[in-house]
Amino acid sequence: MSSSTKSSKGEPKLPEEEVPESAVRRRMLKSFGWFAVASVVPIGIYNWIKRSPKAMGTLKPLRDVLNTNEVIARTYFSNTHLVRTYPVEEAAPKARTNGYDGLKSPVPEDWKLTIETPGKQPLQLTIDDIKALPKQEIVYEFKCIEGWSQIQHWSGVRLSDFMAHYKLGTHSGNAPNPDATNDLFKYMGLETPDKGYYVGIDMESALHPQTLLAYELNGQPITAPHGAPLRLIIPVKYGVKNLKRIGRLFFADERPRDFWAERGYDYYVGL
């Protein structure tokens, strides 16, 4: 038989093989109890989430988390924070295409961009009207929410310049001032001519200096798969917000509907 040892308090301590079976059983039951609690709590939370009602295509607790993430992201957003840009030589010679919702019909021959502001008559513009404004270019890393990215070269008119020229996006009818937030509509909505694809954009991101209404890719007019004749390029968002073939653009203080947010994705999808 092995000899006994003493505990740190000087009391006799039984060797491991001589610990009474009842003590072992108590330890096992205690450990099992903690394990059971640790297992039941996540299961209970999971069941609670699963029984919750849906909000914008996903369960409400999950939507609440996404909305909280948006609040945090918008708190730290700044128009002075620019995405990284690259030399033109680094742009992909053949830009990847992805997503054809809203593009299943041919490009309308009589295409015009319709712009709607509450309380005002709609404005309709041709592509030549838009091309008459100062041209801007950006070479940046386009990022898809599916996980791929590609350096791409886009040209068009800066959306903030476009809105300033036509005095859009404000309650007063003046040119938008990013610092006069009370005068700005909170959101911009965009949709394809057939209404098959639609997005909602927060006004801060719309007015970001790198956001474009693009009509050229690699120095050439955009083709139909890439969103001809006019598309949104918004580098501070994932690709799902970069709506192709814009048919209608409008302003609102309530969130416009959003194609992928209705299917459970994050509404903000900021980078």
Protein backbone atom coordinates (compact mmCIF):
# COMPACT_ATOMS: atom_id res chain seq x y z
CA MET A 1 0.00 0.00 0.00
CA SER A 2 1.37 3.42 -0.87
CA SER A 3 2.03 5.83 1.94
CA SER A 4 -0.19 8.81 2.74
CA THR A 5 0.95 12.38 2.13
CA LYS A 6 0.02 15.60 3.86
CA SER A 7 -2.01 18.46 2.48
CA SER A 8 -0.77 22.05 2.44
CA LYS A 9 -2.51 22.51 5.81
CA GLY A 10 -0.60 19.61 7.31
CA GLU A 11 -3.58 17.26 7.31
CA PRO A 12 -3.24 13.66 6.08
CA LYS A 13 -4.13 13.34 2.40
CA LEU A 14 -5.20 10.05 0.89
CA PRO A 15 -3.37 8.86 -2.19
CA GLU A 16 -5.46 9.15 -5.33
CA GLU A 17 -6.31 5.46 -5.42
CA GLU A 18 -7.59 5.63 -1.82
CA VAL A 19 -10.00 8.53 -2.29
CA PRO A 20 -13.43 7.25 -1.19
CA GLU A 21 -15.80 6.35 -4.00
CA SER A 22 -18.43 8.71 -2.57
CA ALA A 23 -16.06 11.67 -2.94
CA VAL A 24 -15.30 10.73 -6.54
CA ARG A 25 -19.02 10.45 -7.23
CA ARG A 26 -19.63 13.91 -5.74
CA ARG A 27 -16.88 15.41 -7.87
CA MET A 28 -18.26 13.76 -11.00
CA LEU A 29 -21.78 14.95 -10.28
CA LYS A 30 -20.54 18.48 -9.63
CA SER A 31 -18.56 18.51 -12.88
CA PHE A 32 -21.50 17.08 -14.77
CA GLY A 33 -23.75 19.75 -13.27
CA TRP A 34 -21.52 22.56 -14.51
CA PHE A 35 -21.29 20.88 -17.91
CA ALA A 36 -25.07 20.57 -18.06
CA VAL A 37 -25.54 24.24 -17.19
CA ALA A 38 -22.94 25.28 -19.76
CA SER A 39 -24.73 23.16 -22.37
CA VAL A 40 -28.28 24.18 -21.52
CA VAL A 41 -27.66 27.95 -21.56
CA PRO A 42 -26.55 28.08 -25.24
CA ILE A 43 -29.36 25.70 -26.20
CA GLY A 44 -31.84 27.91 -24.38
CA ILE A 45 -30.55 31.01 -26.16
CA TYR A 46 -30.64 29.19 -29.49
CA ASN A 47 -34.25 28.10 -28.93
CA TRP A 48 -35.22 31.63 -27.87
CA ILE A 49 -33.67 33.09 -31.03
CA LYS A 50 -35.29 30.39 -33.18
CA ARG A 51 -38.75 31.20 -31.78
CA SER A 52 -38.33 34.96 -32.33
CA PRO A 53 -40.30 36.77 -35.05
CA LYS A 54 -38.57 37.82 -38.24
CA ALA A 55 -37.45 41.36 -39.06
CA MET A 56 -36.31 42.20 -42.61
CA GLY A 57 -35.70 38.63 -43.64
CA THR A 58 -33.92 37.38 -40.53
CA LEU A 59 -34.76 36.59 -36.91
CA LYS A 60 -35.25 39.74 -34.85
CA PRO A 61 -32.40 39.18 -32.33
CA LEU A 62 -29.99 38.71 -35.22
CA ARG A 63 -31.35 41.79 -36.97
CA ASP A 64 -30.91 43.75 -33.73
CA VAL A 65 -27.24 42.74 -33.67
CA LEU A 66 -26.80 43.88 -37.28
CA ASN A 67 -28.52 47.19 -36.51
CA THR A 68 -26.24 47.71 -33.51
CA ASN A 69 -23.22 47.08 -35.72
CA GLU A 70 -24.57 49.72 -38.11
CA VAL A 71 -24.89 52.28 -35.31
CA ILE A 72 -21.28 51.66 -34.29
CA ALA A 73 -20.01 51.81 -37.88
CA ARG A 74 -21.87 55.05 -38.60
CA THR A 75 -20.49 56.60 -35.41
CA TYR A 76 -16.93 56.14 -36.66
CA PHE A 77 -17.63 56.88 -40.33
CA SER A 78 -15.87 59.92 -41.80
CA ASN A 79 -15.78 61.46 -45.28
CA THR A 80 -12.06 62.01 -44.76
CA HIS A 81 -11.40 58.27 -44.45
CA LEU A 82 -10.64 57.16 -48.00
CA VAL A 83 -10.25 53.63 -49.33
CA ARG A 84 -6.87 52.75 -50.76
CA THR A 85 -6.39 53.52 -54.45
CA TYR A 86 -3.99 52.00 -56.97
CA PRO A 87 -2.20 52.93 -60.21
CA VAL A 88 -4.27 52.34 -63.35
CA GLU A 89 -1.75 49.69 -64.44
CA GLU A 90 -2.82 47.46 -61.55
CA ALA A 91 -6.49 47.35 -62.58
CA ALA A 92 -7.79 44.03 -63.88
CA PRO A 93 -8.01 44.13 -67.70
CA LYS A 94 -11.22 42.11 -67.49
CA ALA A 95 -13.41 43.04 -64.54
CA ARG A 96 -15.29 40.18 -62.95
CA THR A 97 -19.09 40.21 -63.21
CA ASN A 98 -21.39 38.92 -60.51
CA GLY A 99 -25.14 39.21 -59.96
CA TYR A 100 -27.73 39.68 -62.69
CA ASP A 101 -30.84 40.59 -60.72
CA GLY A 102 -32.50 43.53 -62.45
CA LEU A 103 -30.53 42.96 -65.67
CA LYS A 104 -32.55 40.20 -67.30
CA SER A 105 -34.18 42.48 -69.87
CA PRO A 106 -32.27 44.47 -72.52
CA VAL A 107 -31.07 47.99 -71.73
CA PRO A 108 -34.00 50.31 -72.54
CA GLU A 109 -33.25 52.35 -75.66
CA ASP A 110 -34.99 55.34 -74.13
CA TRP A 111 -33.18 55.00 -70.80
CA LYS A 112 -33.30 57.99 -68.51
CA LEU A 113 -32.41 58.38 -64.87
CA THR A 114 -35.47 59.36 -62.83
CA ILE A 115 -34.75 61.29 -59.62
CA GLU A 116 -37.46 61.73 -57.00
CA THR A 117 -37.43 64.07 -54.00
CA PRO A 118 -40.44 64.28 -51.65
CA GLY A 119 -42.52 67.37 -52.39
CA LYS A 120 -40.87 68.04 -55.75
CA GLN A 121 -41.48 67.14 -59.36
CA PRO A 122 -39.43 64.16 -60.60
CA LEU A 123 -36.31 65.00 -62.58
CA GLN A 124 -35.29 62.96 -65.63
CA LEU A 125 -31.76 63.00 -67.04
CA THR A 126 -30.09 61.37 -70.03
CA ILE A 127 -26.65 59.82 -69.92
CA ASP A 128 -25.35 62.86 -71.83
CA ASP A 129 -26.67 65.14 -69.08
CA ILE A 130 -24.66 63.15 -66.57
CA LYS A 131 -21.53 63.02 -68.72
CA ALA A 132 -21.60 66.82 -68.97
CA LEU A 133 -20.52 67.04 -65.33
CA PRO A 134 -16.84 66.84 -64.27
CA LYS A 135 -15.43 63.35 -64.74
CA GLN A 136 -13.73 61.47 -61.91
CA GLU A 137 -11.81 58.19 -61.91
CA ILE A 138 -11.02 55.67 -59.21
CA VAL A 139 -8.91 52.53 -59.17
CA TYR A 140 -9.66 50.56 -56.03
CA GLU A 141 -10.24 47.07 -54.70
CA PHE A 142 -13.85 46.12 -55.37
CA LYS A 143 -14.94 43.71 -52.63
CA CYS A 144 -17.74 41.18 -52.92
CA ILE A 145 -19.56 39.99 -49.81
CA GLU A 146 -18.98 36.42 -51.08
CA GLY A 147 -15.28 36.83 -50.29
CA TRP A 148 -13.56 37.68 -53.58
CA SER A 149 -12.04 41.04 -54.52
CA GLN A 150 -10.48 42.65 -57.59
CA ILE A 151 -8.74 45.92 -58.39
CA GLN A 152 -10.97 47.76 -60.87
CA HIS A 153 -10.86 51.07 -62.75
CA TRP A 154 -14.11 53.06 -62.90
CA SER A 155 -14.98 56.51 -64.24
CA GLY A 156 -18.02 58.75 -63.89
CA VAL A 157 -19.30 61.71 -61.95
CA ARG A 158 -18.78 62.02 -58.22
CA LEU A 159 -22.21 61.51 -56.63
CA SER A 160 -21.68 64.44 -54.26
CA ASP A 161 -20.91 66.71 -57.25
CA PHE A 162 -23.99 65.43 -59.04
CA MET A 163 -26.17 66.14 -56.00
CA ALA A 164 -24.63 69.59 -55.53
CA HIS A 165 -25.17 70.50 -59.19
CA TYR A 166 -28.85 69.52 -59.15
CA LYS A 167 -29.39 70.50 -55.48
CA LEU A 168 -30.53 67.05 -54.41
CA GLY A 169 -30.75 65.21 -51.12
CA THR A 170 -31.84 68.09 -48.88
CA HIS A 171 -35.11 69.23 -47.34
CA SER A 172 -34.29 72.87 -48.11
CA GLY A 173 -33.57 72.36 -51.79
CA ASN A 174 -30.02 73.65 -51.34
CA ALA A 175 -26.87 71.80 -52.31
CA PRO A 176 -26.05 69.15 -49.69
CA ASN A 177 -23.63 70.05 -46.92
CA PRO A 178 -22.35 66.95 -45.05
CA ASP A 179 -22.09 69.04 -41.88
CA ALA A 180 -25.73 70.20 -42.07
CA THR A 181 -27.09 66.80 -41.15
CA ASN A 182 -30.54 68.11 -40.15
CA ASP A 183 -31.08 69.34 -43.72
CA LEU A 184 -30.07 66.06 -45.34
CA PHE A 185 -32.42 63.21 -46.09
CA LYS A 186 -31.18 60.19 -44.17
CA TYR A 187 -31.21 57.75 -47.07
CA MET A 188 -30.96 57.38 -50.80
CA GLY A 189 -32.74 54.56 -52.60
CA LEU A 190 -31.82 53.18 -56.02
CA GLU A 191 -33.47 50.57 -58.21
CA THR A 192 -33.15 49.10 -61.68
CA PRO A 193 -35.64 50.09 -64.41
CA ASP A 194 -37.51 46.78 -63.99
CA LYS A 195 -37.42 47.12 -60.16
CA GLY A 196 -35.79 43.69 -60.01
CA TYR A 197 -32.92 44.93 -57.85
CA TYR A 198 -32.91 47.75 -55.31
CA VAL A 199 -30.70 49.10 -52.55
CA GLY A 200 -30.83 51.63 -49.73
CA ILE A 201 -27.78 53.78 -48.96
CA ASP A 202 -27.16 55.93 -45.89
CA MET A 203 -26.60 59.56 -46.90
CA GLU A 204 -23.13 59.77 -45.33
CA SER A 205 -21.89 57.00 -47.62
CA ALA A 206 -23.67 58.48 -50.65
CA LEU A 207 -21.82 61.77 -50.11
CA HIS A 208 -18.45 60.10 -49.59
CA PRO A 209 -15.99 61.69 -52.07
CA GLN A 210 -15.15 58.33 -53.66
CA THR A 211 -18.76 57.39 -54.47
CA LEU A 212 -19.46 57.62 -58.22
CA LEU A 213 -22.26 57.41 -60.72
CA ALA A 214 -20.10 55.41 -63.12
CA TYR A 215 -20.48 55.11 -66.88
CA GLU A 216 -17.02 53.80 -67.86
CA LEU A 217 -14.97 50.73 -66.96
CA ASN A 218 -11.29 50.66 -67.98
CA GLY A 219 -11.87 53.81 -70.01
CA GLN A 220 -14.70 52.30 -72.09
CA PRO A 221 -18.50 52.62 -71.80
CA ILE A 222 -19.90 50.11 -69.33
CA THR A 223 -21.34 46.99 -70.95
CA ALA A 224 -24.71 45.51 -70.03
CA PRO A 225 -23.35 42.82 -67.65
CA HIS A 226 -21.55 45.54 -65.69
CA GLY A 227 -24.61 47.78 -65.44
CA ALA A 228 -24.84 49.95 -68.56
CA PRO A 229 -25.54 52.72 -69.03
CA LEU A 230 -25.06 53.95 -65.43
CA ARG A 231 -24.27 52.22 -62.17
CA LEU A 232 -23.30 53.04 -58.62
CA ILE A 233 -19.72 52.61 -57.47
CA ILE A 234 -19.46 53.01 -53.71
CA PRO A 235 -16.05 51.83 -52.44
CA VAL A 236 -17.01 52.11 -48.75
CA LYS A 237 -19.57 49.31 -49.23
CA TYR A 238 -19.50 45.69 -50.34
CA GLY A 239 -20.50 44.95 -53.92
CA VAL A 240 -24.15 44.20 -53.10
CA LYS A 241 -24.74 47.96 -52.71
CA ASN A 242 -23.10 48.87 -56.04
CA LEU A 243 -26.35 48.79 -57.99
CA LYS A 244 -26.10 48.27 -61.75
CA ARG A 245 -28.25 49.93 -64.39
CA ILE A 246 -29.76 52.64 -62.22
CA GLY A 247 -33.28 53.50 -63.33
CA ARG A 248 -34.61 55.39 -60.33
CA LEU A 249 -32.88 57.34 -57.58
CA PHE A 250 -34.84 58.80 -54.68
CA PHE A 251 -34.43 60.29 -51.21
CA ALA A 252 -36.15 59.38 -47.94
CA ASP A 253 -35.88 59.71 -44.18
CA GLU A 254 -36.99 56.11 -43.67
CA ARG A 255 -34.92 53.16 -44.78
CA PRO A 256 -35.68 52.29 -48.41
CA ARG A 257 -36.19 48.62 -49.12
CA ASP A 258 -33.03 46.69 -49.90
CA PHE A 259 -32.84 43.48 -51.93
CA TRP A 260 -30.34 41.57 -49.82
CA ALA A 261 -31.35 43.03 -46.46
CA GLU A 262 -34.81 41.58 -47.11
CA ARG A 263 -33.08 38.22 -47.48
CA GLY A 264 -31.31 38.39 -44.13
CA TYR A 265 -28.13 40.29 -44.97
CA ASP A 266 -26.76 43.32 -43.13
CA TYR A 267 -28.41 46.54 -44.33
CA TYR A 268 -25.34 48.74 -43.89
CA VAL A 269 -22.62 46.37 -45.27
CA GLY A 270 -19.88 48.95 -44.73
CA LEU A 271 -16.17 48.30 -45.11
